[in-house]
């Protein structure tokens, strides 16, 4: 699905091999479409992973569950729905 780019430290989708003797144009188009879908998924999942890692670091600093804007406790229901939430309901992320 993807690999970590050592130069940018970001995840990238990995393309499937497009040039095999039995590949026809439809196979190549399908593989390209799959690659585009994986790329889109990686762009969605990487920020989510970063938020989760940030929340885990917050556990060690006792900042987990605190709104980054107002520093008040984030509502329990919000944390149950999204443990990586960084703000309270009053300061929802865009």
PDB file of N, CA and C in Angstrom:
ATOM      1  N   UNK A   1       0.820  -1.190   0.000  1.00  0.00           N
ATOM      2  CA  UNK A   1       0.000   0.000   0.000  1.00  0.00           C
ATOM      3  C   UNK A   1       0.861   1.250   0.000  1.00  0.00           C
ATOM      4  N   UNK A   2       1.836   1.327   0.871  1.00  0.00           N
ATOM      5  CA  UNK A   2       2.646   2.527   0.942  1.00  0.00           C
ATOM      6  C   UNK A   2       3.969   2.266   1.614  1.00  0.00           C
ATOM      7  N   UNK A   3       4.814   3.292   1.566  1.00  0.00           N
ATOM      8  CA  UNK A   3       6.119   3.207   2.221  1.00  0.00           C
ATOM      9  C   UNK A   3       6.488   4.589   2.723  1.00  0.00           C
ATOM     10  N   UNK A   4       7.375   4.628   3.695  1.00  0.00           N
ATOM     11  CA  UNK A   4       7.842   5.885   4.260  1.00  0.00           C
ATOM     12  C   UNK A   4       9.000   6.397   3.423  1.00  0.00           C
ATOM     13  N   UNK A   5       8.878   7.619   2.909  1.00  0.00           N
ATOM     14  CA  UNK A   5       9.946   8.245   2.137  1.00  0.00           C
ATOM     15  C   UNK A   5      10.981   8.763   3.128  1.00  0.00           C
ATOM     16  N   UNK A   6      12.189   8.239   3.045  1.00  0.00           N
ATOM     17  CA  UNK A   6      13.247   8.595   3.995  1.00  0.00           C
ATOM     18  C   UNK A   6      13.664  10.055   3.879  1.00  0.00           C
ATOM     19  N   UNK A   7      13.550  10.637   2.689  1.00  0.00           N
ATOM     20  CA  UNK A   7      13.969  12.030   2.497  1.00  0.00           C
ATOM     21  C   UNK A   7      12.974  13.021   3.075  1.00  0.00           C
ATOM     22  N   UNK A   8      11.669  12.754   2.883  1.00  0.00           N
ATOM     23  CA  UNK A   8      10.642  13.695   3.335  1.00  0.00           C
ATOM     24  C   UNK A   8       9.988  13.279   4.639  1.00  0.00           C
ATOM     25  N   UNK A   9      10.234  12.023   5.076  1.00  0.00           N
ATOM     26  CA  UNK A   9       9.615  11.466   6.274  1.00  0.00           C
ATOM     27  C   UNK A   9       8.095  11.462   6.172  1.00  0.00           C
ATOM     28  N   UNK A  10       7.578  11.286   4.942  1.00  0.00           N
ATOM     29  CA  UNK A  10       6.147  11.208   4.705  1.00  0.00           C
ATOM     30  C   UNK A  10       5.823   9.885   4.033  1.00  0.00           C
ATOM     31  N   UNK A  11       4.599   9.417   4.242  1.00  0.00           N
ATOM     32  CA  UNK A  11       4.155   8.179   3.627  1.00  0.00           C
ATOM     33  C   UNK A  11       3.762   8.442   2.187  1.00  0.00           C
ATOM     34  N   UNK A  12       4.082   7.485   1.313  1.00  0.00           N
ATOM     35  CA  UNK A  12       3.735   7.581  -0.103  1.00  0.00           C
ATOM     36  C   UNK A  12       3.129   6.261  -0.548  1.00  0.00           C
ATOM     37  N   UNK A  13       2.162   6.345  -1.446  1.00  0.00           N
ATOM     38  CA  UNK A  13       1.603   5.128  -2.028  1.00  0.00           C
ATOM     39  C   UNK A  13       2.645   4.511  -2.944  1.00  0.00           C
ATOM     40  N   UNK A  14       2.661   3.198  -3.007  1.00  0.00           N
ATOM     41  CA  UNK A  14       3.606   2.525  -3.895  1.00  0.00           C
ATOM     42  C   UNK A  14       2.857   1.986  -5.102  1.00  0.00           C
ATOM     43  N   UNK A  15       3.352   2.284  -6.303  1.00  0.00           N
ATOM     44  CA  UNK A  15       2.673   1.797  -7.513  1.00  0.00           C
ATOM     45  C   UNK A  15       2.952   0.316  -7.730  1.00  0.00           C
ATOM     46  N   UNK A  16       1.993  -0.353  -8.365  1.00  0.00           N
ATOM     47  CA  UNK A  16       2.223  -1.727  -8.768  1.00  0.00           C
ATOM     48  C   UNK A  16       3.041  -1.719 -10.051  1.00  0.00           C
ATOM     49  N   UNK A  17       3.676  -2.834 -10.341  1.00  0.00           N
ATOM     50  CA  UNK A  17       4.453  -2.964 -11.572  1.00  0.00           C
ATOM     51  C   UNK A  17       3.498  -2.871 -12.761  1.00  0.00           C
ATOM     52  N   UNK A  18       3.741  -1.913 -13.656  1.00  0.00           N
ATOM     53  CA  UNK A  18       2.853  -1.701 -14.799  1.00  0.00           C
ATOM     54  C   UNK A  18       3.298  -2.453 -16.044  1.00  0.00           C
ATOM     55  N   UNK A  19       4.547  -2.800 -16.132  1.00  0.00           N
ATOM     56  CA  UNK A  19       5.057  -3.422 -17.345  1.00  0.00           C
ATOM     57  C   UNK A  19       5.342  -4.895 -17.129  1.00  0.00           C
ATOM     58  N   UNK A  20       4.340  -5.704 -17.365  1.00  0.00           N
ATOM     59  CA  UNK A  20       4.543  -7.145 -17.364  1.00  0.00           C
ATOM     60  C   UNK A  20       4.071  -7.658 -18.718  1.00  0.00           C
ATOM     61  N   UNK A  21       4.604  -8.749 -19.182  1.00  0.00           N
ATOM     62  CA  UNK A  21       4.284  -9.224 -20.529  1.00  0.00           C
ATOM     63  C   UNK A  21       2.796  -9.428 -20.778  1.00  0.00           C
ATOM     64  N   UNK A  22       2.054  -9.823 -19.739  1.00  0.00           N
ATOM     65  CA  UNK A  22       0.630 -10.097 -19.947  1.00  0.00           C
ATOM     66  C   UNK A  22      -0.258  -8.872 -19.736  1.00  0.00           C
ATOM     67  N   UNK A  23       0.310  -7.732 -19.387  1.00  0.00           N
ATOM     68  CA  UNK A  23      -0.479  -6.529 -19.132  1.00  0.00           C
ATOM     69  C   UNK A  23      -1.011  -5.939 -20.430  1.00  0.00           C
ATOM     70  N   UNK A  24      -2.296  -5.645 -20.433  1.00  0.00           N
ATOM     71  CA  UNK A  24      -2.845  -4.891 -21.555  1.00  0.00           C
ATOM     72  C   UNK A  24      -3.192  -3.492 -21.049  1.00  0.00           C
ATOM     73  N   UNK A  25      -3.695  -2.660 -21.907  1.00  0.00           N
ATOM     74  CA  UNK A  25      -3.988  -1.272 -21.529  1.00  0.00           C
ATOM     75  C   UNK A  25      -5.023  -1.183 -20.409  1.00  0.00           C
ATOM     76  N   UNK A  26      -6.007  -2.087 -20.414  1.00  0.00           N
ATOM     77  CA  UNK A  26      -7.021  -2.071 -19.349  1.00  0.00           C
ATOM     78  C   UNK A  26      -6.404  -2.417 -17.998  1.00  0.00           C
ATOM     79  N   UNK A  27      -5.501  -3.403 -17.991  1.00  0.00           N
ATOM     80  CA  UNK A  27      -4.811  -3.753 -16.745  1.00  0.00           C
ATOM     81  C   UNK A  27      -4.007  -2.568 -16.224  1.00  0.00           C
ATOM     82  N   UNK A  28      -3.307  -1.902 -17.126  1.00  0.00           N
ATOM     83  CA  UNK A  28      -2.500  -0.744 -16.726  1.00  0.00           C
ATOM     84  C   UNK A  28      -3.385   0.368 -16.179  1.00  0.00           C
ATOM     85  N   UNK A  29      -4.524   0.597 -16.841  1.00  0.00           N
ATOM     86  CA  UNK A  29      -5.448   1.637 -16.375  1.00  0.00           C
ATOM     87  C   UNK A  29      -5.994   1.288 -14.993  1.00  0.00           C
ATOM     88  N   UNK A  30      -6.333   0.010 -14.791  1.00  0.00           N
ATOM     89  CA  UNK A  30      -6.835  -0.418 -13.479  1.00  0.00           C
ATOM     90  C   UNK A  30      -5.780  -0.229 -12.396  1.00  0.00           C
ATOM     91  N   UNK A  31      -4.548  -0.573 -12.697  1.00  0.00           N
ATOM     92  CA  UNK A  31      -3.465  -0.427 -11.716  1.00  0.00           C
ATOM     93  C   UNK A  31      -3.206   1.043 -11.403  1.00  0.00           C
ATOM     94  N   UNK A  32      -3.265   1.895 -12.430  1.00  0.00           N
ATOM     95  CA  UNK A  32      -3.077   3.327 -12.202  1.00  0.00           C
ATOM     96  C   UNK A  32      -4.199   3.873 -11.326  1.00  0.00           C
ATOM     97  N   UNK A  33      -5.426   3.424 -11.592  1.00  0.00           N
ATOM     98  CA  UNK A  33      -6.569   3.860 -10.785  1.00  0.00           C
ATOM     99  C   UNK A  33      -6.401   3.403  -9.333  1.00  0.00           C
ATOM    100  N   UNK A  34      -5.929   2.171  -9.141  1.00  0.00           N
ATOM    101  CA  UNK A  34      -5.673   1.676  -7.785  1.00  0.00           C
ATOM    102  C   UNK A  34      -4.596   2.506  -7.091  1.00  0.00           C
ATOM    103  N   UNK A  35      -3.554   2.863  -7.829  1.00  0.00           N
ATOM    104  CA  UNK A  35      -2.480   3.693  -7.270  1.00  0.00           C
ATOM    105  C   UNK A  35      -3.028   5.048  -6.830  1.00  0.00           C
ATOM    106  N   UNK A  36      -3.870   5.653  -7.660  1.00  0.00           N
ATOM    107  CA  UNK A  36      -4.465   6.947  -7.305  1.00  0.00           C
ATOM    108  C   UNK A  36      -5.326   6.818  -6.052  1.00  0.00           C
ATOM    109  N   UNK A  37      -6.067   5.723  -5.938  1.00  0.00           N
ATOM    110  CA  UNK A  37      -6.897   5.509  -4.748  1.00  0.00           C
ATOM    111  C   UNK A  37      -6.020   5.351  -3.508  1.00  0.00           C
ATOM    112  N   UNK A  38      -4.907   4.607  -3.628  1.00  0.00           N
ATOM    113  CA  UNK A  38      -3.996   4.444  -2.492  1.00  0.00           C
ATOM    114  C   UNK A  38      -3.354   5.777  -2.119  1.00  0.00           C
ATOM    115  N   UNK A  39      -3.008   6.577  -3.127  1.00  0.00           N
ATOM    116  CA  UNK A  39      -2.413   7.891  -2.855  1.00  0.00           C
ATOM    117  C   UNK A  39      -3.381   8.767  -2.076  1.00  0.00           C
ATOM    118  N   UNK A  40      -4.632   8.749  -2.485  1.00  0.00           N
ATOM    119  CA  UNK A  40      -5.651   9.538  -1.799  1.00  0.00           C
ATOM    120  C   UNK A  40      -5.827   9.056  -0.363  1.00  0.00           C
ATOM    121  N   UNK A  41      -5.830   7.738  -0.182  1.00  0.00           N
ATOM    122  CA  UNK A  41      -5.977   7.175   1.154  1.00  0.00           C
ATOM    123  C   UNK A  41      -4.798   7.578   2.039  1.00  0.00           C
ATOM    124  N   UNK A  42      -3.602   7.574   1.485  1.00  0.00           N
ATOM    125  CA  UNK A  42      -2.419   7.952   2.260  1.00  0.00           C
ATOM    126  C   UNK A  42      -2.510   9.415   2.696  1.00  0.00           C
ATOM    127  N   UNK A  43      -3.008  10.280   1.805  1.00  0.00           N
ATOM    128  CA  UNK A  43      -3.143  11.699   2.165  1.00  0.00           C
ATOM    129  C   UNK A  43      -4.165  11.888   3.281  1.00  0.00           C
ATOM    130  N   UNK A  44      -5.135  10.991   3.367  1.00  0.00           N
ATOM    131  CA  UNK A  44      -6.142  11.061   4.420  1.00  0.00           C
ATOM    132  C   UNK A  44      -5.629  10.469   5.730  1.00  0.00           C
ATOM    133  N   UNK A  45      -4.929   9.351   5.630  1.00  0.00           N
ATOM    134  CA  UNK A  45      -4.512   8.631   6.834  1.00  0.00           C
ATOM    135  C   UNK A  45      -3.307   9.243   7.536  1.00  0.00           C
ATOM    136  N   UNK A  46      -2.407   9.863   6.790  1.00  0.00           N
ATOM    137  CA  UNK A  46      -1.197  10.397   7.423  1.00  0.00           C
ATOM    138  C   UNK A  46      -1.500  11.472   8.466  1.00  0.00           C
ATOM    139  N   UNK A  47      -2.360  12.458   8.166  1.00  0.00           N
ATOM    140  CA  UNK A  47      -2.676  13.443   9.219  1.00  0.00           C
ATOM    141  C   UNK A  47      -3.350  12.790  10.433  1.00  0.00           C
ATOM    142  N   UNK A  48      -4.176  11.781  10.186  1.00  0.00           N
ATOM    143  CA  UNK A  48      -4.830  11.076  11.294  1.00  0.00           C
ATOM    144  C   UNK A  48      -3.785  10.376  12.166  1.00  0.00           C
ATOM    145  N   UNK A  49      -2.835   9.714  11.524  1.00  0.00           N
ATOM    146  CA  UNK A  49      -1.760   9.057  12.266  1.00  0.00           C
ATOM    147  C   UNK A  49      -0.970  10.076  13.080  1.00  0.00           C
ATOM    148  N   UNK A  50      -0.662  11.208  12.477  1.00  0.00           N
ATOM    149  CA  UNK A  50       0.093  12.246  13.192  1.00  0.00           C
ATOM    150  C   UNK A  50      -0.676  12.753  14.407  1.00  0.00           C
ATOM    151  N   UNK A  51      -2.004  12.904  14.279  1.00  0.00           N
ATOM    152  CA  UNK A  51      -2.819  13.341  15.418  1.00  0.00           C
ATOM    153  C   UNK A  51      -2.819  12.296  16.531  1.00  0.00           C
ATOM    154  N   UNK A  52      -2.870  11.027  16.154  1.00  0.00           N
ATOM    155  CA  UNK A  52      -2.847   9.955  17.154  1.00  0.00           C
ATOM    156  C   UNK A  52      -1.502   9.934  17.869  1.00  0.00           C
ATOM    157  N   UNK A  53      -0.422  10.050  17.112  1.00  0.00           N
ATOM    158  CA  UNK A  53       0.908  10.071  17.730  1.00  0.00           C
ATOM    159  C   UNK A  53       1.061  11.267  18.666  1.00  0.00           C
ATOM    160  N   UNK A  54       0.508  12.399  18.265  1.00  0.00           N
ATOM    161  CA  UNK A  54       0.561  13.596  19.112  1.00  0.00           C
ATOM    162  C   UNK A  54      -0.226  13.370  20.404  1.00  0.00           C
ATOM    163  N   UNK A  55      -1.388  12.720  20.291  1.00  0.00           N
ATOM    164  CA  UNK A  55      -2.195  12.432  21.480  1.00  0.00           C
ATOM    165  C   UNK A  55      -1.450  11.482  22.412  1.00  0.00           C
ATOM    166  N   UNK A  56      -0.779  10.485  21.844  1.00  0.00           N
ATOM    167  CA  UNK A  56      -0.011   9.554  22.675  1.00  0.00           C
ATOM    168  C   UNK A  56       1.127  10.262  23.400  1.00  0.00           C
ATOM    169  N   UNK A  57       1.782  11.194  22.730  1.00  0.00           N
ATOM    170  CA  UNK A  57       2.832  11.974  23.397  1.00  0.00           C
ATOM    171  C   UNK A  57       2.232  12.807  24.522  1.00  0.00           C
ATOM    172  N   UNK A  58       1.000  13.286  24.313  1.00  0.00           N
ATOM    173  CA  UNK A  58       0.316  14.073  25.331  1.00  0.00           C
ATOM    174  C   UNK A  58       0.050  13.288  26.597  1.00  0.00           C
ATOM    175  N   UNK A  59      -0.132  11.978  26.456  1.00  0.00           N
ATOM    176  CA  UNK A  59      -0.320  11.139  27.648  1.00  0.00           C
ATOM    177  C   UNK A  59       0.894  11.222  28.555  1.00  0.00           C
ATOM    178  N   UNK A  60       2.054  11.254  27.966  1.00  0.00           N
ATOM    179  CA  UNK A  60       3.292  11.331  28.746  1.00  0.00           C
ATOM    180  C   UNK A  60       3.486  12.703  29.380  1.00  0.00           C
ATOM    181  N   UNK A  61       2.931  13.738  28.770  1.00  0.00           N
ATOM    182  CA  UNK A  61       3.107  15.099  29.295  1.00  0.00           C
ATOM    183  C   UNK A  61       1.884  15.578  30.071  1.00  0.00           C
ATOM    184  N   UNK A  62       0.937  14.698  30.268  1.00  0.00           N
ATOM    185  CA  UNK A  62      -0.302  15.029  30.970  1.00  0.00           C
ATOM    186  C   UNK A  62      -1.097  16.130  30.278  1.00  0.00           C
ATOM    187  N   UNK A  63      -0.890  16.301  28.970  1.00  0.00           N
ATOM    188  CA  UNK A  63      -1.685  17.279  28.231  1.00  0.00           C
ATOM    189  C   UNK A  63      -2.799  16.599  27.449  1.00  0.00           C
ATOM    190  N   UNK A  64      -2.879  15.263  27.529  1.00  0.00           N
ATOM    191  CA  UNK A  64      -3.944  14.541  26.841  1.00  0.00           C
ATOM    192  C   UNK A  64      -5.288  14.977  27.399  1.00  0.00           C
ATOM    193  N   UNK A  65      -6.226  15.230  26.506  1.00  0.00           N
ATOM    194  CA  UNK A  65      -7.566  15.606  26.928  1.00  0.00           C
ATOM    195  C   UNK A  65      -7.723  17.076  27.233  1.00  0.00           C
ATOM    196  N   UNK A  66      -6.691  17.866  26.966  1.00  0.00           N
ATOM    197  CA  UNK A  66      -6.756  19.315  27.180  1.00  0.00           C
ATOM    198  C   UNK A  66      -6.861  20.005  25.822  1.00  0.00           C
ATOM    199  N   UNK A  67      -7.743  20.971  25.719  1.00  0.00           N
ATOM    200  CA  UNK A  67      -7.912  21.741  24.486  1.00  0.00           C
ATOM    201  C   UNK A  67      -6.651  22.558  24.226  1.00  0.00           C
ATOM    202  N   UNK A  68      -6.147  22.483  23.003  1.00  0.00           N
ATOM    203  CA  UNK A  68      -4.942  23.242  22.661  1.00  0.00           C
ATOM    204  C   UNK A  68      -5.195  24.747  22.599  1.00  0.00           C
ATOM    205  N   UNK A  69      -6.465  25.147  22.482  1.00  0.00           N
ATOM    206  CA  UNK A  69      -6.785  26.571  22.376  1.00  0.00           C
ATOM    207  C   UNK A  69      -7.029  27.183  23.753  1.00  0.00           C
ATOM    208  N   UNK A  70      -7.985  26.611  24.501  1.00  0.00           N
ATOM    209  CA  UNK A  70      -8.374  27.218  25.784  1.00  0.00           C
ATOM    210  C   UNK A  70      -7.781  26.497  26.997  1.00  0.00           C
ATOM    211  N   UNK A  71      -7.120  25.357  26.776  1.00  0.00           N
ATOM    212  CA  UNK A  71      -6.460  24.567  27.830  1.00  0.00           C
ATOM    213  C   UNK A  71      -7.429  23.921  28.818  1.00  0.00           C
ATOM    214  N   UNK A  72      -8.740  23.970  28.531  1.00  0.00           N
ATOM    215  CA  UNK A  72      -9.725  23.303  29.386  1.00  0.00           C
ATOM    216  C   UNK A  72      -9.851  21.845  28.952  1.00  0.00           C
ATOM    217  N   UNK A  73     -10.506  21.039  29.821  1.00  0.00           N
ATOM    218  CA  UNK A  73     -10.701  19.626  29.497  1.00  0.00           C
ATOM    219  C   UNK A  73     -11.588  19.476  28.264  1.00  0.00           C
ATOM    220  N   UNK A  74     -11.196  18.540  27.392  1.00  0.00           N
ATOM    221  CA  UNK A  74     -12.026  18.189  26.241  1.00  0.00           C
ATOM    222  C   UNK A  74     -13.136  17.275  26.754  1.00  0.00           C
ATOM    223  N   UNK A  75     -14.344  17.458  26.245  1.00  0.00           N
ATOM    224  CA  UNK A  75     -15.498  16.694  26.686  1.00  0.00           C
ATOM    225  C   UNK A  75     -15.248  15.192  26.509  1.00  0.00           C
ATOM    226  N   UNK A  76     -15.696  14.390  27.505  1.00  0.00           N
ATOM    227  CA  UNK A  76     -15.503  12.939  27.454  1.00  0.00           C
ATOM    228  C   UNK A  76     -16.116  12.324  26.204  1.00  0.00           C
ATOM    229  N   UNK A  77     -17.312  12.767  25.832  1.00  0.00           N
ATOM    230  CA  UNK A  77     -17.964  12.206  24.646  1.00  0.00           C
ATOM    231  C   UNK A  77     -17.118  12.450  23.398  1.00  0.00           C
ATOM    232  N   UNK A  78     -16.500  13.614  23.326  1.00  0.00           N
ATOM    233  CA  UNK A  78     -15.647  13.926  22.168  1.00  0.00           C
ATOM    234  C   UNK A  78     -14.406  13.037  22.168  1.00  0.00           C
ATOM    235  N   UNK A  79     -13.797  12.844  23.328  1.00  0.00           N
ATOM    236  CA  UNK A  79     -12.618  11.982  23.409  1.00  0.00           C
ATOM    237  C   UNK A  79     -12.959  10.520  23.133  1.00  0.00           C
ATOM    238  N   UNK A  80     -14.151  10.089  23.545  1.00  0.00           N
ATOM    239  CA  UNK A  80     -14.556   8.718  23.244  1.00  0.00           C
ATOM    240  C   UNK A  80     -14.746   8.530  21.745  1.00  0.00           C
ATOM    241  N   UNK A  81     -15.287   9.542  21.077  1.00  0.00           N
ATOM    242  CA  UNK A  81     -15.490   9.467  19.630  1.00  0.00           C
ATOM    243  C   UNK A  81     -14.177   9.612  18.874  1.00  0.00           C
ATOM    244  N   UNK A  82     -13.275  10.449  19.405  1.00  0.00           N
ATOM    245  CA  UNK A  82     -11.996  10.707  18.735  1.00  0.00           C
ATOM    246  C   UNK A  82     -10.922  10.933  19.796  1.00  0.00           C
ATOM    247  N   UNK A  83     -10.257   9.861  20.220  1.00  0.00           N
ATOM    248  CA  UNK A  83      -9.239  10.001  21.265  1.00  0.00           C
ATOM    249  C   UNK A  83      -8.088  10.927  20.879  1.00  0.00           C
ATOM    250  N   UNK A  84      -7.924  11.205  19.600  1.00  0.00           N
ATOM    251  CA  UNK A  84      -6.853  12.092  19.149  1.00  0.00           C
ATOM    252  C   UNK A  84      -7.315  13.541  19.041  1.00  0.00           C
ATOM    253  N   UNK A  85      -8.528  13.840  19.501  1.00  0.00           N
ATOM    254  CA  UNK A  85      -9.036  15.213  19.425  1.00  0.00           C
ATOM    255  C   UNK A  85      -8.081  16.161  20.138  1.00  0.00           C
ATOM    256  N   UNK A  86      -7.854  17.306  19.521  1.00  0.00           N
ATOM    257  CA  UNK A  86      -6.911  18.276  20.071  1.00  0.00           C
ATOM    258  C   UNK A  86      -7.596  19.512  20.627  1.00  0.00           C
ATOM    259  N   UNK A  87      -8.908  19.611  20.384  1.00  0.00           N
ATOM    260  CA  UNK A  87      -9.643  20.774  20.871  1.00  0.00           C
ATOM    261  C   UNK A  87     -10.985  20.342  21.447  1.00  0.00           C
ATOM    262  N   UNK A  88     -11.555  21.202  22.278  1.00  0.00           N
ATOM    263  CA  UNK A  88     -12.892  20.964  22.810  1.00  0.00           C
ATOM    264  C   UNK A  88     -13.922  21.273  21.718  1.00  0.00           C
ATOM    265  N   UNK A  89     -15.192  21.031  22.034  1.00  0.00           N
ATOM    266  CA  UNK A  89     -16.245  21.275  21.043  1.00  0.00           C
ATOM    267  C   UNK A  89     -16.318  22.747  20.650  1.00  0.00           C
ATOM    268  N   UNK A  90     -15.974  23.629  21.574  1.00  0.00           N
ATOM    269  CA  UNK A  90     -16.014  25.062  21.262  1.00  0.00           C
ATOM    270  C   UNK A  90     -14.939  25.474  20.262  1.00  0.00           C
ATOM    271  N   UNK A  91     -13.902  24.674  20.144  1.00  0.00           N
ATOM    272  CA  UNK A  91     -12.787  25.018  19.254  1.00  0.00           C
ATOM    273  C   UNK A  91     -12.512  23.893  18.262  1.00  0.00           C
ATOM    274  N   UNK A  92     -13.565  23.334  17.684  1.00  0.00           N
ATOM    275  CA  UNK A  92     -13.420  22.224  16.735  1.00  0.00           C
ATOM    276  C   UNK A  92     -12.436  22.564  15.633  1.00  0.00           C
ATOM    277  N   UNK A  93     -11.645  21.543  15.243  1.00  0.00           N
ATOM    278  CA  UNK A  93     -10.719  21.717  14.123  1.00  0.00           C
ATOM    279  C   UNK A  93     -11.518  21.930  12.848  1.00  0.00           C
ATOM    280  N   UNK A  94     -10.933  22.651  11.946  1.00  0.00           N
ATOM    281  CA  UNK A  94     -11.595  22.886  10.651  1.00  0.00           C
ATOM    282  C   UNK A  94     -11.495  21.678   9.781  1.00  0.00           C
TER     283      UNK A  94
END
